[in-house]
């Protein structure tokens, strides 16, 4: 088995790189954390899909877009953790 010795260099390169991936903008801060990470939660229906909400570190599960929630104080209470209903096939 071989050992990859350039791990620290690879990590440094990844942390300096900002790009748009499947989930949107990927950018890291000095603590190696994603900057305002958020994801769409989708419901796949046949050959299509619909968005039923969002997840972010800031707000948890929500039906409101994370960009609008960043303007408010964080509220991760259980009562605010909501998604739209899922359509089952």
N, C-alpha and C. Protein backbone atom coordinates (compact mmCIF):
# COMPACT_ATOMS: atom_id res chain seq x y z
N UNK A 1 0.85 -1.17 0.00
CA UNK A 1 0.00 0.00 0.00
C UNK A 1 0.90 1.24 0.00
N UNK A 2 0.51 2.22 -0.79
CA UNK A 2 1.30 3.45 -0.84
C UNK A 2 0.62 4.54 -0.03
N UNK A 3 1.40 5.52 0.34
CA UNK A 3 0.91 6.66 1.11
C UNK A 3 1.04 7.91 0.25
N UNK A 4 -0.04 8.69 0.19
CA UNK A 4 -0.05 9.94 -0.56
C UNK A 4 0.54 11.02 0.33
N UNK A 5 1.71 11.50 -0.01
CA UNK A 5 2.43 12.46 0.84
C UNK A 5 2.01 13.91 0.61
N UNK A 6 1.25 14.16 -0.42
CA UNK A 6 0.88 15.55 -0.74
C UNK A 6 -0.51 15.92 -0.21
N UNK A 7 -0.99 15.21 0.80
CA UNK A 7 -2.28 15.52 1.40
C UNK A 7 -2.41 16.95 1.88
N UNK A 8 -1.42 17.46 2.63
CA UNK A 8 -1.51 18.86 3.08
C UNK A 8 -1.59 19.86 1.92
N UNK A 9 -0.85 19.60 0.85
CA UNK A 9 -0.90 20.48 -0.31
C UNK A 9 -2.26 20.40 -0.99
N UNK A 10 -2.81 19.20 -1.11
CA UNK A 10 -4.14 19.03 -1.69
C UNK A 10 -5.19 19.77 -0.87
N UNK A 11 -5.14 19.62 0.45
CA UNK A 11 -6.09 20.31 1.33
C UNK A 11 -5.97 21.82 1.18
N UNK A 12 -4.75 22.34 1.15
CA UNK A 12 -4.53 23.78 1.00
C UNK A 12 -5.12 24.28 -0.33
N UNK A 13 -4.94 23.51 -1.39
CA UNK A 13 -5.45 23.89 -2.70
C UNK A 13 -6.97 23.89 -2.70
N UNK A 14 -7.58 22.87 -2.12
CA UNK A 14 -9.04 22.80 -2.06
C UNK A 14 -9.61 23.97 -1.26
N UNK A 15 -9.00 24.30 -0.13
CA UNK A 15 -9.50 25.38 0.71
C UNK A 15 -9.37 26.75 0.05
N UNK A 16 -8.43 26.91 -0.87
CA UNK A 16 -8.25 28.19 -1.58
C UNK A 16 -9.15 28.31 -2.79
N UNK A 17 -9.72 27.20 -3.23
CA UNK A 17 -10.51 27.18 -4.46
C UNK A 17 -11.96 27.48 -4.16
N UNK A 18 -12.53 28.41 -4.91
CA UNK A 18 -13.96 28.70 -4.83
C UNK A 18 -14.56 28.28 -6.16
N UNK A 19 -15.66 27.54 -6.11
CA UNK A 19 -16.26 27.06 -7.34
C UNK A 19 -17.76 26.84 -7.12
N UNK A 20 -18.46 26.69 -8.21
CA UNK A 20 -19.88 26.38 -8.15
C UNK A 20 -20.04 24.90 -8.45
N UNK A 21 -20.60 24.19 -7.49
CA UNK A 21 -20.85 22.77 -7.64
C UNK A 21 -22.32 22.50 -7.81
N UNK A 22 -22.72 21.25 -7.68
CA UNK A 22 -24.12 20.89 -7.80
C UNK A 22 -24.99 21.57 -6.77
N UNK A 23 -24.41 21.88 -5.61
CA UNK A 23 -25.18 22.49 -4.53
C UNK A 23 -25.05 24.01 -4.50
N UNK A 24 -24.37 24.59 -5.47
CA UNK A 24 -24.18 26.03 -5.50
C UNK A 24 -22.74 26.41 -5.21
N UNK A 25 -22.51 27.63 -4.75
CA UNK A 25 -21.17 28.14 -4.49
C UNK A 25 -20.52 27.36 -3.36
N UNK A 26 -19.28 26.94 -3.58
CA UNK A 26 -18.50 26.25 -2.56
C UNK A 26 -17.31 27.15 -2.25
N UNK A 27 -17.26 27.64 -1.01
CA UNK A 27 -16.21 28.55 -0.57
C UNK A 27 -15.96 28.30 0.90
N UNK A 28 -14.69 28.29 1.32
CA UNK A 28 -14.33 27.98 2.70
C UNK A 28 -13.79 29.20 3.42
N UNK A 29 -14.02 29.28 4.74
CA UNK A 29 -13.45 30.36 5.54
C UNK A 29 -12.14 29.88 6.17
N UNK A 30 -11.54 30.72 7.02
CA UNK A 30 -10.25 30.39 7.62
C UNK A 30 -10.32 29.21 8.59
N UNK A 31 -11.52 28.87 9.06
CA UNK A 31 -11.70 27.71 9.95
C UNK A 31 -11.99 26.43 9.18
N UNK A 32 -11.84 26.46 7.87
CA UNK A 32 -12.10 25.32 6.99
C UNK A 32 -13.57 24.94 6.93
N UNK A 33 -14.45 25.87 7.24
CA UNK A 33 -15.89 25.64 7.18
C UNK A 33 -16.44 26.28 5.92
N UNK A 34 -17.49 25.66 5.37
CA UNK A 34 -18.14 26.26 4.22
C UNK A 34 -18.76 27.59 4.63
N UNK A 35 -18.66 28.58 3.76
CA UNK A 35 -19.27 29.88 4.02
C UNK A 35 -20.73 29.78 3.63
N UNK A 36 -21.59 30.01 4.58
CA UNK A 36 -23.05 29.97 4.41
C UNK A 36 -23.51 28.78 3.58
N UNK A 37 -23.19 27.56 4.06
CA UNK A 37 -23.62 26.39 3.29
C UNK A 37 -25.14 26.22 3.38
N UNK A 38 -25.74 25.89 2.26
CA UNK A 38 -27.17 25.60 2.24
C UNK A 38 -27.45 24.65 1.08
N UNK A 39 -28.51 23.90 1.23
CA UNK A 39 -28.88 22.91 0.22
C UNK A 39 -30.37 22.95 0.00
N UNK A 40 -30.76 22.76 -1.27
CA UNK A 40 -32.17 22.59 -1.58
C UNK A 40 -32.55 21.16 -1.23
N UNK A 41 -33.72 20.98 -0.66
CA UNK A 41 -34.25 19.64 -0.41
C UNK A 41 -35.34 19.43 -1.44
N UNK A 42 -35.17 18.40 -2.24
CA UNK A 42 -36.11 18.18 -3.33
C UNK A 42 -36.89 16.89 -3.14
N UNK A 43 -38.04 16.85 -3.76
CA UNK A 43 -38.91 15.69 -3.78
C UNK A 43 -38.94 15.22 -5.24
N UNK A 44 -38.36 14.05 -5.52
CA UNK A 44 -38.32 13.52 -6.88
C UNK A 44 -39.65 12.84 -7.16
N UNK A 45 -40.28 13.26 -8.25
CA UNK A 45 -41.59 12.74 -8.62
C UNK A 45 -41.51 12.30 -10.09
N UNK A 46 -41.50 11.00 -10.33
CA UNK A 46 -41.39 10.50 -11.70
C UNK A 46 -40.10 10.97 -12.34
N UNK A 47 -40.21 11.74 -13.42
CA UNK A 47 -39.02 12.26 -14.10
C UNK A 47 -38.73 13.70 -13.73
N UNK A 48 -39.49 14.24 -12.77
CA UNK A 48 -39.29 15.63 -12.36
C UNK A 48 -39.03 15.73 -10.87
N UNK A 49 -39.01 16.95 -10.39
CA UNK A 49 -38.81 17.19 -8.97
C UNK A 49 -39.45 18.50 -8.57
N UNK A 50 -39.61 18.67 -7.27
CA UNK A 50 -40.06 19.96 -6.74
C UNK A 50 -39.30 20.22 -5.44
N UNK A 51 -39.01 21.48 -5.19
CA UNK A 51 -38.29 21.87 -3.98
C UNK A 51 -39.29 21.88 -2.82
N UNK A 52 -38.95 21.18 -1.73
CA UNK A 52 -39.84 21.17 -0.57
C UNK A 52 -39.25 21.95 0.60
N UNK A 53 -38.07 22.49 0.40
CA UNK A 53 -37.47 23.31 1.44
C UNK A 53 -35.97 23.43 1.28
N UNK A 54 -35.34 23.87 2.34
CA UNK A 54 -33.90 24.11 2.35
C UNK A 54 -33.32 23.62 3.67
N UNK A 55 -32.02 23.36 3.64
CA UNK A 55 -31.28 23.09 4.88
C UNK A 55 -30.04 23.96 4.85
N UNK A 56 -29.71 24.57 6.00
CA UNK A 56 -28.47 25.33 6.13
C UNK A 56 -27.97 25.20 7.56
N UNK A 57 -26.67 25.42 7.73
CA UNK A 57 -26.09 25.43 9.07
C UNK A 57 -26.74 26.52 9.92
N UNK A 58 -27.10 27.60 9.29
CA UNK A 58 -27.62 28.76 9.99
C UNK A 58 -29.02 28.54 10.55
N UNK A 59 -29.90 27.94 9.72
CA UNK A 59 -31.30 27.84 10.13
C UNK A 59 -31.84 26.42 10.26
N UNK A 60 -31.08 25.42 9.84
CA UNK A 60 -31.60 24.06 9.84
C UNK A 60 -32.59 23.89 8.70
N UNK A 61 -33.65 23.12 8.90
CA UNK A 61 -34.68 22.92 7.88
C UNK A 61 -35.62 24.11 7.83
N UNK A 62 -35.97 24.53 6.61
CA UNK A 62 -36.84 25.68 6.47
C UNK A 62 -37.50 25.68 5.10
N UNK A 63 -38.67 26.27 5.02
CA UNK A 63 -39.32 26.48 3.72
C UNK A 63 -38.92 27.83 3.13
N UNK A 64 -38.26 28.67 3.91
CA UNK A 64 -37.76 29.96 3.44
C UNK A 64 -36.33 29.81 2.94
N UNK A 65 -36.00 30.51 1.86
CA UNK A 65 -34.65 30.46 1.30
C UNK A 65 -33.64 30.95 2.33
N UNK A 66 -32.50 30.28 2.46
CA UNK A 66 -31.49 30.68 3.45
C UNK A 66 -31.03 32.12 3.29
N UNK A 67 -31.00 32.62 2.05
CA UNK A 67 -30.54 34.00 1.83
C UNK A 67 -31.42 34.99 2.58
N UNK A 68 -32.71 34.70 2.71
CA UNK A 68 -33.59 35.61 3.44
C UNK A 68 -33.42 35.44 4.94
N UNK A 69 -33.05 34.24 5.37
CA UNK A 69 -32.90 33.99 6.81
C UNK A 69 -31.60 34.55 7.37
N UNK A 70 -30.58 34.73 6.52
CA UNK A 70 -29.31 35.29 7.00
C UNK A 70 -29.50 36.73 7.50
N UNK A 71 -30.57 37.38 7.07
CA UNK A 71 -30.84 38.74 7.49
C UNK A 71 -31.49 38.80 8.88
N UNK A 72 -31.92 37.64 9.39
CA UNK A 72 -32.58 37.56 10.69
C UNK A 72 -31.68 36.85 11.69
N UNK A 73 -32.03 36.98 12.96
CA UNK A 73 -31.28 36.24 14.00
C UNK A 73 -31.50 34.75 13.81
N UNK A 74 -30.47 33.92 14.06
CA UNK A 74 -30.65 32.48 13.88
C UNK A 74 -31.73 31.94 14.81
N UNK A 75 -32.54 31.05 14.28
CA UNK A 75 -33.62 30.46 15.07
C UNK A 75 -33.72 28.98 14.69
N UNK A 76 -33.11 28.12 15.49
CA UNK A 76 -33.09 26.70 15.19
C UNK A 76 -34.06 25.93 16.08
N UNK A 77 -35.08 26.60 16.56
CA UNK A 77 -36.04 25.91 17.43
C UNK A 77 -36.75 24.81 16.65
N UNK A 78 -37.16 23.81 17.34
CA UNK A 78 -37.83 22.66 16.73
C UNK A 78 -39.10 23.09 15.97
N UNK A 79 -39.79 24.09 16.46
CA UNK A 79 -41.03 24.56 15.82
C UNK A 79 -40.75 25.16 14.44
N UNK A 80 -39.56 25.66 14.21
CA UNK A 80 -39.22 26.28 12.93
C UNK A 80 -38.66 25.29 11.92
N UNK A 81 -38.43 24.06 12.29
CA UNK A 81 -37.86 23.05 11.40
C UNK A 81 -38.97 22.44 10.56
N UNK A 82 -39.29 23.09 9.43
CA UNK A 82 -40.42 22.67 8.61
C UNK A 82 -40.00 22.49 7.15
N UNK A 83 -40.70 21.59 6.48
CA UNK A 83 -40.58 21.39 5.03
C UNK A 83 -41.99 21.31 4.47
N UNK A 84 -42.12 21.54 3.18
CA UNK A 84 -43.41 21.31 2.53
C UNK A 84 -43.67 19.81 2.49
N UNK A 85 -44.90 19.42 2.22
CA UNK A 85 -45.24 18.00 2.23
C UNK A 85 -44.57 17.27 1.06
N UNK A 86 -44.28 15.99 1.30
CA UNK A 86 -43.65 15.14 0.30
C UNK A 86 -44.76 14.41 -0.46
N UNK A 87 -44.59 14.34 -1.79
CA UNK A 87 -45.50 13.58 -2.63
C UNK A 87 -44.86 12.22 -2.85
N UNK A 88 -45.55 11.17 -2.44
CA UNK A 88 -45.04 9.81 -2.59
C UNK A 88 -45.61 9.19 -3.86
N UNK A 89 -44.80 8.42 -4.58
CA UNK A 89 -45.30 7.80 -5.82
C UNK A 89 -46.38 6.77 -5.55
